[in-house]
Amino acid sequence: MLDDTGPDADRLRELSRALERLGDHAQAARAQCSLLSLQDTARGRAVEAYVLARLERLTGDLAAAGRALELARAAVGADATAWHRRGVGGLITEQHLELTRAAVEAGDANRAKATMAHAGVLLGRIAKPSVKALGPLSARAKWAVAGLRRSDD
């Protein structure tokens, strides 16, 4: 396996970020997938899966974004509260909230509700300053899901 911090990983990371800046989110996601496969630490997998989730959401592939967030949650681990209290937990939570809103906008009620449920769990685990910073986004996501529930009635 290649080193997740070596020159190959650095080149892929640079390529992914450059493609994202250019607005080619699909190609950036492909590079990011390769970069994610090089990661051999939990932190590396969590960070790169978070980035992949963002890119997949931006391409409109909400299912792929959801799978990337599953990878990020798996890397962080359910019982590893120290990870949730670091910045990585806040970033992963933010992507859950963004994916929730995107799923609502796309009319994917099941994905929106499931993703919001995961976001709720993460909001209970991340550091209080991160919860506060995500407050407005969290409120928008909750209201969006609540709107779905009203339309289900």
N, C-alpha and C. Protein backbone atom coordinates (compact mmCIF):
# COMPACT_ATOMS: atom_id res chain seq x y z
N MET A 1 0.84 -1.18 0.00
CA MET A 1 0.00 0.00 0.00
C MET A 1 0.89 1.25 0.00
N LEU A 2 0.45 2.27 -0.71
CA LEU A 2 1.18 3.52 -0.73
C LEU A 2 0.95 4.29 0.56
N ASP A 3 1.90 5.08 0.93
CA ASP A 3 1.81 5.89 2.15
C ASP A 3 0.76 6.98 1.96
N ASP A 4 -0.16 7.11 2.93
CA ASP A 4 -1.24 8.09 2.80
C ASP A 4 -0.76 9.53 2.92
N THR A 5 0.49 9.73 3.29
CA THR A 5 1.03 11.09 3.35
C THR A 5 2.18 11.26 2.38
N GLY A 6 2.40 10.29 1.52
CA GLY A 6 3.52 10.33 0.58
C GLY A 6 3.22 11.18 -0.63
N PRO A 7 4.18 11.20 -1.57
CA PRO A 7 4.04 12.05 -2.74
C PRO A 7 2.85 11.69 -3.63
N ASP A 8 2.50 10.41 -3.72
CA ASP A 8 1.34 10.02 -4.53
C ASP A 8 0.07 10.59 -3.93
N ALA A 9 -0.07 10.46 -2.64
CA ALA A 9 -1.25 11.00 -1.96
C ALA A 9 -1.28 12.52 -2.08
N ASP A 10 -0.13 13.15 -1.93
CA ASP A 10 -0.07 14.61 -2.05
C ASP A 10 -0.50 15.07 -3.44
N ARG A 11 -0.05 14.36 -4.46
CA ARG A 11 -0.43 14.72 -5.84
C ARG A 11 -1.93 14.53 -6.07
N LEU A 12 -2.47 13.44 -5.58
CA LEU A 12 -3.91 13.21 -5.72
C LEU A 12 -4.72 14.27 -4.97
N ARG A 13 -4.26 14.63 -3.77
CA ARG A 13 -4.95 15.66 -2.98
C ARG A 13 -4.92 16.98 -3.73
N GLU A 14 -3.77 17.35 -4.27
CA GLU A 14 -3.66 18.59 -5.03
C GLU A 14 -4.56 18.56 -6.27
N LEU A 15 -4.58 17.41 -6.96
CA LEU A 15 -5.42 17.26 -8.15
C LEU A 15 -6.89 17.40 -7.79
N SER A 16 -7.31 16.72 -6.75
CA SER A 16 -8.70 16.78 -6.33
C SER A 16 -9.11 18.21 -5.99
N ARG A 17 -8.29 18.89 -5.22
CA ARG A 17 -8.62 20.28 -4.81
C ARG A 17 -8.61 21.22 -6.02
N ALA A 18 -7.66 21.03 -6.95
CA ALA A 18 -7.60 21.88 -8.14
C ALA A 18 -8.85 21.67 -9.01
N LEU A 19 -9.24 20.43 -9.19
CA LEU A 19 -10.44 20.14 -9.98
C LEU A 19 -11.69 20.71 -9.31
N GLU A 20 -11.73 20.65 -7.99
CA GLU A 20 -12.86 21.24 -7.28
C GLU A 20 -12.91 22.75 -7.49
N ARG A 21 -11.76 23.40 -7.39
CA ARG A 21 -11.71 24.85 -7.61
C ARG A 21 -12.16 25.21 -9.02
N LEU A 22 -11.86 24.35 -9.98
CA LEU A 22 -12.28 24.57 -11.37
C LEU A 22 -13.76 24.27 -11.58
N GLY A 23 -14.38 23.65 -10.60
CA GLY A 23 -15.80 23.32 -10.70
C GLY A 23 -16.08 21.97 -11.32
N ASP A 24 -15.05 21.18 -11.57
CA ASP A 24 -15.24 19.85 -12.13
C ASP A 24 -15.34 18.85 -10.98
N HIS A 25 -16.50 18.85 -10.34
CA HIS A 25 -16.69 18.06 -9.14
C HIS A 25 -16.66 16.56 -9.42
N ALA A 26 -17.11 16.15 -10.59
CA ALA A 26 -17.10 14.71 -10.92
C ALA A 26 -15.66 14.19 -11.01
N GLN A 27 -14.79 14.91 -11.70
CA GLN A 27 -13.39 14.49 -11.80
C GLN A 27 -12.69 14.61 -10.44
N ALA A 28 -13.04 15.64 -9.69
CA ALA A 28 -12.46 15.80 -8.36
C ALA A 28 -12.86 14.62 -7.47
N ALA A 29 -14.10 14.17 -7.60
CA ALA A 29 -14.56 13.02 -6.81
C ALA A 29 -13.81 11.76 -7.20
N ARG A 30 -13.53 11.60 -8.48
CA ARG A 30 -12.76 10.41 -8.92
C ARG A 30 -11.37 10.42 -8.30
N ALA A 31 -10.72 11.58 -8.34
CA ALA A 31 -9.39 11.68 -7.73
C ALA A 31 -9.48 11.46 -6.22
N GLN A 32 -10.53 11.99 -5.63
CA GLN A 32 -10.71 11.85 -4.18
C GLN A 32 -10.94 10.40 -3.79
N CYS A 33 -11.65 9.66 -4.62
CA CYS A 33 -11.86 8.22 -4.37
C CYS A 33 -10.52 7.49 -4.31
N SER A 34 -9.66 7.82 -5.26
CA SER A 34 -8.33 7.20 -5.27
C SER A 34 -7.53 7.60 -4.03
N LEU A 35 -7.63 8.85 -3.67
CA LEU A 35 -6.93 9.34 -2.48
C LEU A 35 -7.45 8.63 -1.23
N LEU A 36 -8.75 8.46 -1.12
CA LEU A 36 -9.34 7.78 0.02
C LEU A 36 -8.81 6.35 0.13
N SER A 37 -8.65 5.69 -1.01
CA SER A 37 -8.17 4.31 -0.98
C SER A 37 -6.73 4.18 -0.47
N LEU A 38 -5.98 5.26 -0.49
CA LEU A 38 -4.60 5.24 -0.01
C LEU A 38 -4.48 5.42 1.50
N GLN A 39 -5.54 5.81 2.15
CA GLN A 39 -5.47 6.15 3.57
C GLN A 39 -5.36 4.91 4.43
N ASP A 40 -4.39 4.93 5.34
CA ASP A 40 -4.24 3.78 6.24
C ASP A 40 -4.40 4.16 7.70
N THR A 41 -4.86 5.39 7.97
CA THR A 41 -5.17 5.78 9.34
C THR A 41 -6.65 6.16 9.41
N ALA A 42 -7.24 6.01 10.58
CA ALA A 42 -8.65 6.35 10.75
C ALA A 42 -8.87 7.83 10.47
N ARG A 43 -7.98 8.67 10.95
CA ARG A 43 -8.13 10.11 10.72
C ARG A 43 -8.06 10.42 9.23
N GLY A 44 -7.11 9.83 8.54
CA GLY A 44 -6.98 10.04 7.09
C GLY A 44 -8.22 9.61 6.34
N ARG A 45 -8.77 8.44 6.70
CA ARG A 45 -9.99 7.96 6.06
C ARG A 45 -11.17 8.88 6.35
N ALA A 46 -11.28 9.35 7.59
CA ALA A 46 -12.39 10.23 7.95
C ALA A 46 -12.33 11.54 7.19
N VAL A 47 -11.16 12.15 7.13
CA VAL A 47 -11.01 13.43 6.45
C VAL A 47 -11.27 13.29 4.95
N GLU A 48 -10.67 12.30 4.33
CA GLU A 48 -10.82 12.16 2.89
C GLU A 48 -12.23 11.70 2.50
N ALA A 49 -12.88 10.91 3.38
CA ALA A 49 -14.27 10.52 3.11
C ALA A 49 -15.20 11.72 3.24
N TYR A 50 -14.92 12.60 4.18
CA TYR A 50 -15.70 13.85 4.32
C TYR A 50 -15.60 14.67 3.04
N VAL A 51 -14.39 14.81 2.51
CA VAL A 51 -14.20 15.58 1.28
C VAL A 51 -14.93 14.90 0.12
N LEU A 52 -14.83 13.58 0.04
CA LEU A 52 -15.52 12.85 -1.02
C LEU A 52 -17.03 13.06 -0.91
N ALA A 53 -17.57 13.04 0.28
CA ALA A 53 -19.01 13.26 0.46
C ALA A 53 -19.41 14.63 -0.08
N ARG A 54 -18.61 15.64 0.24
CA ARG A 54 -18.91 16.99 -0.25
C ARG A 54 -18.90 17.02 -1.78
N LEU A 55 -17.88 16.41 -2.38
CA LEU A 55 -17.77 16.41 -3.84
C LEU A 55 -18.92 15.64 -4.49
N GLU A 56 -19.27 14.50 -3.93
CA GLU A 56 -20.36 13.70 -4.49
C GLU A 56 -21.68 14.47 -4.37
N ARG A 57 -21.88 15.16 -3.27
CA ARG A 57 -23.09 15.97 -3.11
C ARG A 57 -23.13 17.07 -4.16
N LEU A 58 -21.98 17.69 -4.40
CA LEU A 58 -21.92 18.76 -5.40
C LEU A 58 -22.16 18.26 -6.82
N THR A 59 -21.85 16.99 -7.09
CA THR A 59 -22.14 16.42 -8.41
C THR A 59 -23.61 16.04 -8.53
N GLY A 60 -24.30 15.99 -7.40
CA GLY A 60 -25.70 15.59 -7.40
C GLY A 60 -25.91 14.12 -7.13
N ASP A 61 -24.84 13.38 -6.88
CA ASP A 61 -24.95 11.95 -6.58
C ASP A 61 -25.11 11.79 -5.07
N LEU A 62 -26.35 11.94 -4.62
CA LEU A 62 -26.62 11.92 -3.19
C LEU A 62 -26.40 10.55 -2.57
N ALA A 63 -26.66 9.49 -3.34
CA ALA A 63 -26.41 8.14 -2.83
C ALA A 63 -24.92 7.95 -2.56
N ALA A 64 -24.08 8.38 -3.49
CA ALA A 64 -22.62 8.27 -3.31
C ALA A 64 -22.16 9.13 -2.14
N ALA A 65 -22.76 10.31 -1.98
CA ALA A 65 -22.41 11.17 -0.85
C ALA A 65 -22.77 10.48 0.46
N GLY A 66 -23.91 9.82 0.48
CA GLY A 66 -24.31 9.07 1.68
C GLY A 66 -23.35 7.94 2.00
N ARG A 67 -22.90 7.23 0.95
CA ARG A 67 -21.93 6.15 1.17
C ARG A 67 -20.61 6.70 1.70
N ALA A 68 -20.19 7.84 1.20
CA ALA A 68 -18.94 8.44 1.68
C ALA A 68 -19.08 8.85 3.14
N LEU A 69 -20.25 9.36 3.52
CA LEU A 69 -20.45 9.71 4.92
C LEU A 69 -20.48 8.47 5.81
N GLU A 70 -20.98 7.36 5.29
CA GLU A 70 -20.92 6.10 6.05
C GLU A 70 -19.46 5.73 6.32
N LEU A 71 -18.62 5.89 5.30
CA LEU A 71 -17.19 5.61 5.47
C LEU A 71 -16.57 6.54 6.51
N ALA A 72 -16.96 7.81 6.48
CA ALA A 72 -16.44 8.77 7.45
C ALA A 72 -16.87 8.39 8.87
N ARG A 73 -18.15 8.02 9.02
CA ARG A 73 -18.62 7.61 10.36
C ARG A 73 -17.91 6.36 10.83
N ALA A 74 -17.69 5.41 9.93
CA ALA A 74 -16.99 4.18 10.30
C ALA A 74 -15.56 4.47 10.72
N ALA A 75 -14.92 5.39 10.03
CA ALA A 75 -13.53 5.74 10.37
C ALA A 75 -13.46 6.40 11.73
N VAL A 76 -14.43 7.25 12.04
CA VAL A 76 -14.44 7.95 13.32
C VAL A 76 -14.83 6.99 14.44
N GLY A 77 -15.75 6.09 14.18
CA GLY A 77 -16.18 5.11 15.17
C GLY A 77 -17.22 5.66 16.12
N ALA A 78 -18.16 4.82 16.47
CA ALA A 78 -19.27 5.24 17.33
C ALA A 78 -18.83 5.56 18.75
N ASP A 79 -17.84 4.85 19.27
CA ASP A 79 -17.44 5.03 20.67
C ASP A 79 -16.23 5.95 20.85
N ALA A 80 -15.68 6.43 19.76
CA ALA A 80 -14.46 7.24 19.84
C ALA A 80 -14.83 8.71 20.03
N THR A 81 -15.27 9.06 21.23
CA THR A 81 -15.75 10.42 21.47
C THR A 81 -14.66 11.46 21.27
N ALA A 82 -13.41 11.10 21.44
CA ALA A 82 -12.33 12.08 21.23
C ALA A 82 -12.34 12.58 19.78
N TRP A 83 -12.61 11.69 18.83
CA TRP A 83 -12.66 12.11 17.42
C TRP A 83 -13.80 13.09 17.19
N HIS A 84 -14.91 12.83 17.83
CA HIS A 84 -16.08 13.67 17.64
C HIS A 84 -15.86 15.06 18.21
N ARG A 85 -14.96 15.18 19.14
CA ARG A 85 -14.72 16.47 19.76
C ARG A 85 -13.67 17.29 19.01
N ARG A 86 -13.06 16.69 18.01
CA ARG A 86 -12.09 17.41 17.18
C ARG A 86 -12.80 17.99 15.97
N GLY A 87 -12.08 18.77 15.21
CA GLY A 87 -12.65 19.41 14.03
C GLY A 87 -13.23 18.45 13.01
N VAL A 88 -12.67 17.25 12.92
CA VAL A 88 -13.15 16.27 11.95
C VAL A 88 -14.61 15.94 12.21
N GLY A 89 -14.99 15.79 13.46
CA GLY A 89 -16.38 15.50 13.79
C GLY A 89 -17.31 16.60 13.33
N GLY A 90 -16.89 17.84 13.50
CA GLY A 90 -17.70 18.98 13.05
C GLY A 90 -17.86 19.00 11.54
N LEU A 91 -16.79 18.69 10.83
CA LEU A 91 -16.85 18.67 9.37
C LEU A 91 -17.78 17.57 8.86
N ILE A 92 -17.68 16.40 9.47
CA ILE A 92 -18.53 15.28 9.07
C ILE A 92 -19.99 15.61 9.37
N THR A 93 -20.24 16.21 10.52
CA THR A 93 -21.60 16.60 10.89
C THR A 93 -22.14 17.63 9.91
N GLU A 94 -21.31 18.59 9.55
CA GLU A 94 -21.72 19.62 8.58
C GLU A 94 -22.16 18.98 7.27
N GLN A 95 -21.40 18.00 6.79
CA GLN A 95 -21.77 17.34 5.54
C GLN A 95 -23.06 16.56 5.67
N HIS A 96 -23.33 15.99 6.84
CA HIS A 96 -24.61 15.32 7.06
C HIS A 96 -25.76 16.33 6.93
N LEU A 97 -25.59 17.49 7.51
CA LEU A 97 -26.63 18.52 7.44
C LEU A 97 -26.81 19.02 6.00
N GLU A 98 -25.70 19.21 5.29
CA GLU A 98 -25.78 19.65 3.89
C GLU A 98 -26.45 18.59 3.03
N LEU A 99 -26.11 17.32 3.26
CA LEU A 99 -26.72 16.24 2.49
C LEU A 99 -28.21 16.13 2.81
N THR A 100 -28.57 16.35 4.06
CA THR A 100 -29.99 16.36 4.43
C THR A 100 -30.74 17.39 3.61
N ARG A 101 -30.22 18.59 3.55
CA ARG A 101 -30.89 19.66 2.79
C ARG A 101 -30.94 19.32 1.30
N ALA A 102 -29.86 18.78 0.77
CA ALA A 102 -29.84 18.41 -0.65
C ALA A 102 -30.86 17.32 -0.94
N ALA A 103 -30.99 16.37 -0.03
CA ALA A 103 -31.95 15.28 -0.21
C ALA A 103 -33.38 15.82 -0.18
N VAL A 104 -33.66 16.75 0.72
CA VAL A 104 -34.98 17.37 0.76
C VAL A 104 -35.26 18.07 -0.57
N GLU A 105 -34.30 18.85 -1.03
CA GLU A 105 -34.47 19.58 -2.30
C GLU A 105 -34.68 18.63 -3.47
N ALA A 106 -34.06 17.44 -3.41
CA ALA A 106 -34.19 16.46 -4.49
C ALA A 106 -35.45 15.61 -4.32
N GLY A 107 -36.18 15.80 -3.22
CA GLY A 107 -37.38 15.02 -2.98
C GLY A 107 -37.12 13.62 -2.47
N ASP A 108 -35.93 13.38 -1.95
CA ASP A 108 -35.57 12.07 -1.42
C ASP A 108 -35.80 12.06 0.09
N ALA A 109 -37.06 11.87 0.47
CA ALA A 109 -37.44 11.96 1.88
C ALA A 109 -36.74 10.92 2.74
N ASN A 110 -36.62 9.70 2.26
CA ASN A 110 -35.97 8.66 3.06
C ASN A 110 -34.52 9.00 3.35
N ARG A 111 -33.78 9.44 2.33
CA ARG A 111 -32.38 9.80 2.54
C ARG A 111 -32.28 11.01 3.48
N ALA A 112 -33.16 11.98 3.31
CA ALA A 112 -33.13 13.17 4.16
C ALA A 112 -33.35 12.80 5.62
N LYS A 113 -34.34 11.98 5.89
CA LYS A 113 -34.64 11.60 7.27
C LYS A 113 -33.53 10.76 7.88
N ALA A 114 -33.01 9.80 7.12
CA ALA A 114 -31.93 8.95 7.64
C ALA A 114 -30.66 9.76 7.90
N THR A 115 -30.33 10.66 6.98
CA THR A 115 -29.12 11.47 7.15
C THR A 115 -29.27 12.43 8.33
N MET A 116 -30.48 12.98 8.49
CA MET A 116 -30.71 13.88 9.62
C MET A 116 -30.61 13.12 10.93
N ALA A 117 -31.04 11.87 10.95
CA ALA A 117 -30.91 11.06 12.17
C ALA A 117 -29.44 10.89 12.54
N HIS A 118 -28.60 10.61 11.55
CA HIS A 118 -27.16 10.49 11.81
C HIS A 118 -26.59 11.83 12.28
N ALA A 119 -27.04 12.91 11.66
CA ALA A 119 -26.57 14.24 12.06
C ALA A 119 -26.93 14.52 13.51
N GLY A 120 -28.13 14.10 13.92
CA GLY A 120 -28.55 14.31 15.31
C GLY A 120 -27.65 13.60 16.29
N VAL A 121 -27.27 12.37 15.95
CA VAL A 121 -26.36 11.62 16.81
C VAL A 121 -25.01 12.34 16.90
N LEU A 122 -24.51 12.76 15.74
CA LEU A 122 -23.21 13.45 15.72
C LEU A 122 -23.27 14.78 16.47
N LEU A 123 -24.37 15.50 16.34
CA LEU A 123 -24.50 16.77 17.07
C LEU A 123 -24.43 16.56 18.58
N GLY A 124 -24.84 15.39 19.04
CA GLY A 124 -24.75 15.08 20.45
C GLY A 124 -23.36 14.69 20.90
N ARG A 125 -22.46 14.46 19.94
CA ARG A 125 -21.11 13.99 20.29
C ARG A 125 -20.01 15.02 20.03
N ILE A 126 -20.24 15.95 19.13
CA ILE A 126 -19.16 16.89 18.79
C ILE A 126 -19.05 17.97 19.87
N ALA A 127 -17.96 18.69 19.82
CA ALA A 127 -17.68 19.74 20.81
C ALA A 127 -18.73 20.84 20.73
N LYS A 128 -19.05 21.43 21.87
CA LYS A 128 -20.08 22.46 21.95
C LYS A 128 -19.82 23.65 21.02
N PRO A 129 -18.57 24.13 20.85
CA PRO A 129 -18.36 25.22 19.90
C PRO A 129 -18.75 24.83 18.46
N SER A 130 -18.52 23.58 18.10
CA SER A 130 -18.91 23.12 16.76
C SER A 130 -20.42 23.06 16.64
N VAL A 131 -21.09 22.60 17.68
CA VAL A 131 -22.56 22.56 17.67
C VAL A 131 -23.11 23.97 17.48
N LYS A 132 -22.52 24.91 18.20
CA LYS A 132 -22.97 26.31 18.10
C LYS A 132 -22.73 26.86 16.69
N ALA A 133 -21.57 26.58 16.14
CA ALA A 133 -21.25 27.06 14.80
C ALA A 133 -22.18 26.46 13.74
N LEU A 134 -22.59 25.22 13.96
CA LEU A 134 -23.48 24.55 13.01
C LEU A 134 -24.95 24.84 13.29
N GLY A 135 -25.25 25.60 14.31
CA GLY A 135 -26.63 25.88 14.71
C GLY A 135 -27.54 26.34 13.58
N PRO A 136 -27.16 27.38 12.83
CA PRO A 136 -28.04 27.83 11.75
C PRO A 136 -28.27 26.76 10.67
N LEU A 137 -27.22 26.06 10.28
CA LEU A 137 -27.36 25.00 9.28
C LEU A 137 -28.21 23.86 9.83
N SER A 138 -28.00 23.53 11.08
CA SER A 138 -28.78 22.47 11.72
C SER A 138 -30.26 22.84 11.75
N ALA A 139 -30.56 24.07 12.09
CA ALA A 139 -31.95 24.53 12.13
C ALA A 139 -32.59 24.45 10.75
N ARG A 140 -31.86 24.87 9.71
CA ARG A 140 -32.40 24.81 8.34
C ARG A 140 -32.67 23.37 7.93
N ALA A 141 -31.74 22.46 8.28
CA ALA A 141 -31.93 21.06 7.93
C ALA A 141 -33.12 20.48 8.68
N LYS A 142 -33.25 20.79 9.96
CA LYS A 142 -34.38 20.28 10.75
C LYS A 142 -35.71 20.78 10.21
N TRP A 143 -35.75 22.07 9.85
CA TRP A 143 -36.99 22.63 9.29
C TRP A 143 -37.31 21.99 7.94
N ALA A 144 -36.31 21.72 7.15
CA ALA A 144 -36.53 21.09 5.85
C ALA A 144 -37.13 19.70 6.03
N VAL A 145 -36.58 18.94 6.97
CA VAL A 145 -37.10 17.59 7.23
C VAL A 145 -38.50 17.68 7.83
N ALA A 146 -38.73 18.63 8.71
CA ALA A 146 -40.05 18.80 9.29
C ALA A 146 -41.07 19.11 8.20
N GLY A 147 -40.67 19.88 7.20
CA GLY A 147 -41.54 20.16 6.06
C GLY A 147 -41.89 18.91 5.30
N LEU A 148 -40.95 18.00 5.19
CA LEU A 148 -41.22 16.71 4.54
C LEU A 148 -42.27 15.94 5.31
N ARG A 149 -42.15 15.93 6.61
CA ARG A 149 -43.09 15.18 7.45
C ARG A 149 -44.49 15.75 7.32
N ARG A 150 -44.62 17.07 7.23
CA ARG A 150 -45.93 17.69 7.06
C ARG A 150 -46.53 17.31 5.73
N SER A 151 -45.68 17.23 4.69
CA SER A 151 -46.20 16.89 3.37
C SER A 151 -46.56 15.41 3.27
N ASP A 152 -46.02 14.57 4.19
CA ASP A 152 -46.37 13.15 4.21
C ASP A 152 -47.77 12.92 4.77
N ASP A 153 -48.23 13.85 5.60
CA ASP A 153 -49.54 13.68 6.27
C ASP A 153 -50.69 13.69 5.30
